[in-house]
Amino acid sequence: MKSISTLFNGKAGYMRLLLSVLIFGAYLVSASSAQATSTANALHAICGVYSSVTTIIFILGLTLMILGGAIYAGAHVAPSSLKGSLQGYGMGFIVGGIIGVIIVIIAPYLLQVISGNTAIASACTTT
């Protein structure tokens, strides 16, 4: 293991020292700004993530249902050796899409039950 004096020796050592000071300074700035963050800002950040995730899951759920329907319909014109597996995949896609949409619909209520706070669920659903 290198000693401190050999770590910060020469040009490379000077760059390491400068980088260490910059990282430590950035850490101090972020720590002080994190303490100054209010509850409203935290709630806004949580709601932003919540709305992004629910939108993505809802779109994926609808896409899965559409693809599942197309695969299931395409199975009817497929040869008999592929028909059963394609129908199974199609039904799996449809069920997965329905479960995704159900999760998106009941997510605010689950958030309220888990947190025990009605303000979070209502604030995230109104934005």
Protein backbone atom coordinates (compact mmCIF):
# COMPACT_ATOMS: atom_id res chain seq x y z
CA MET A 1 0.00 0.00 0.00
CA LYS A 2 1.33 3.41 -0.94
CA SER A 3 1.86 6.08 1.65
CA ILE A 4 0.19 9.48 1.43
CA SER A 5 3.45 11.20 0.45
CA THR A 6 3.95 8.91 -2.55
CA LEU A 7 0.32 9.21 -3.68
CA PHE A 8 0.57 12.98 -4.10
CA ASN A 9 4.13 13.15 -5.51
CA GLY A 10 4.89 14.73 -8.91
CA LYS A 11 2.43 15.88 -11.59
CA ALA A 12 0.20 12.82 -11.26
CA GLY A 13 0.13 13.30 -7.50
CA TYR A 14 -0.81 16.94 -7.93
CA MET A 15 -3.68 15.92 -10.21
CA ARG A 16 -4.83 13.32 -7.68
CA LEU A 17 -4.77 15.94 -4.92
CA LEU A 18 -6.68 18.42 -7.05
CA LEU A 19 -9.25 15.79 -7.99
CA SER A 20 -9.63 14.76 -4.35
CA VAL A 21 -10.20 18.36 -3.27
CA LEU A 22 -12.76 18.89 -6.05
CA ILE A 23 -14.65 15.72 -5.15
CA PHE A 24 -14.63 16.63 -1.47
CA GLY A 25 -15.85 20.14 -2.29
CA ALA A 26 -18.64 18.78 -4.46
CA TYR A 27 -19.62 16.45 -1.63
CA LEU A 28 -19.79 19.34 0.82
CA VAL A 29 -21.88 21.45 -1.55
CA SER A 30 -24.29 18.60 -2.23
CA ALA A 31 -24.59 17.78 1.46
CA SER A 32 -25.40 21.36 2.37
CA SER A 33 -27.90 21.72 -0.46
CA ALA A 34 -29.51 18.41 0.45
CA GLN A 35 -30.11 19.66 3.97
CA ALA A 36 -31.72 22.82 2.61
CA THR A 37 -34.17 20.87 0.46
CA SER A 38 -37.70 21.30 1.69
CA THR A 39 -40.41 18.67 1.91
CA ALA A 40 -42.19 20.18 -1.07
CA ASN A 41 -39.13 19.68 -3.27
CA ALA A 42 -38.77 16.08 -2.09
CA LEU A 43 -42.46 15.43 -2.75
CA HIS A 44 -42.11 17.00 -6.19
CA ALA A 45 -39.17 14.72 -6.99
CA ILE A 46 -41.00 11.64 -5.75
CA CYS A 47 -44.08 12.55 -7.76
CA GLY A 48 -41.96 13.10 -10.87
CA VAL A 49 -40.51 9.62 -10.59
CA TYR A 50 -43.94 8.20 -9.77
CA SER A 51 -45.59 9.79 -12.81
CA SER A 52 -42.77 8.71 -15.13
CA VAL A 53 -42.90 5.12 -13.92
CA THR A 54 -46.70 4.91 -14.12
CA THR A 55 -46.68 6.35 -17.64
CA ILE A 56 -44.03 3.89 -18.80
CA ILE A 57 -45.79 0.90 -17.22
CA PHE A 58 -49.14 1.96 -18.67
CA ILE A 59 -47.69 2.32 -22.18
CA LEU A 60 -45.86 -1.02 -21.89
CA GLY A 61 -49.06 -2.68 -20.65
CA LEU A 62 -51.06 -1.41 -23.61
CA THR A 63 -48.26 -2.38 -26.00
CA LEU A 64 -48.16 -5.89 -24.52
CA MET A 65 -51.92 -6.26 -24.98
CA ILE A 66 -51.73 -5.12 -28.61
CA LEU A 67 -48.76 -7.38 -29.40
CA GLY A 68 -50.43 -10.26 -27.57
CA GLY A 69 -53.57 -9.83 -29.64
CA ALA A 70 -51.57 -9.74 -32.86
CA ILE A 71 -49.59 -12.86 -31.90
CA TYR A 72 -52.75 -14.68 -30.84
CA ALA A 73 -54.50 -13.74 -34.08
CA GLY A 74 -51.43 -14.71 -36.11
CA ALA A 75 -51.43 -18.11 -34.45
CA HIS A 76 -54.62 -19.00 -36.28
CA VAL A 77 -52.88 -18.90 -39.64
CA ALA A 78 -49.68 -20.58 -38.42
CA PRO A 79 -48.98 -24.26 -38.98
CA SER A 80 -50.23 -26.61 -36.30
CA SER A 81 -46.76 -27.18 -34.87
CA LEU A 82 -46.47 -23.47 -33.97
CA LYS A 83 -50.13 -22.71 -33.26
CA GLY A 84 -50.18 -23.81 -29.63
CA SER A 85 -46.98 -22.05 -28.62
CA LEU A 86 -47.94 -18.81 -30.38
CA GLN A 87 -51.35 -18.83 -28.73
CA GLY A 88 -49.66 -19.36 -25.36
CA TYR A 89 -47.25 -16.48 -25.95
CA GLY A 90 -50.11 -14.25 -27.11
CA MET A 91 -52.20 -15.00 -24.04
CA GLY A 92 -49.15 -14.41 -21.83
CA PHE A 93 -48.59 -11.00 -23.41
CA ILE A 94 -52.25 -10.07 -22.97
CA VAL A 95 -52.33 -11.16 -19.31
CA GLY A 96 -49.03 -9.37 -18.62
CA GLY A 97 -50.39 -6.18 -20.18
CA ILE A 98 -53.59 -6.39 -18.14
CA ILE A 99 -51.62 -6.91 -14.92
CA GLY A 100 -49.41 -3.90 -15.77
CA VAL A 101 -52.42 -1.66 -16.34
CA ILE A 102 -54.05 -2.89 -13.11
CA ILE A 103 -50.86 -2.08 -11.19
CA VAL A 104 -50.85 1.44 -12.64
CA ILE A 105 -54.49 1.97 -11.71
CA ILE A 106 -54.14 0.77 -8.10
CA ALA A 107 -50.67 2.29 -7.49
CA PRO A 108 -51.98 5.48 -5.78
CA TYR A 109 -54.05 3.41 -3.36
CA LEU A 110 -51.11 1.10 -2.64
CA LEU A 111 -48.89 4.13 -2.07
CA GLN A 112 -51.45 5.46 0.40
CA VAL A 113 -51.67 2.15 2.26
CA ILE A 114 -47.90 1.65 2.44
CA SER A 115 -47.05 5.18 3.50
CA GLY A 116 -50.11 5.75 5.68
CA ASN A 117 -50.16 9.28 4.34
CA THR A 118 -52.99 10.42 2.07
CA ALA A 119 -51.11 13.57 1.03
CA ILE A 120 -48.51 11.68 -1.00
CA ALA A 121 -51.02 9.66 -3.01
CA SER A 122 -53.30 12.65 -3.64
CA ALA A 123 -50.42 14.98 -4.52
CA CYS A 124 -48.96 12.52 -7.01
CA THR A 125 -52.27 11.82 -8.72
CA THR A 126 -53.12 15.50 -9.22
CA THR A 127 -49.85 16.43 -10.94
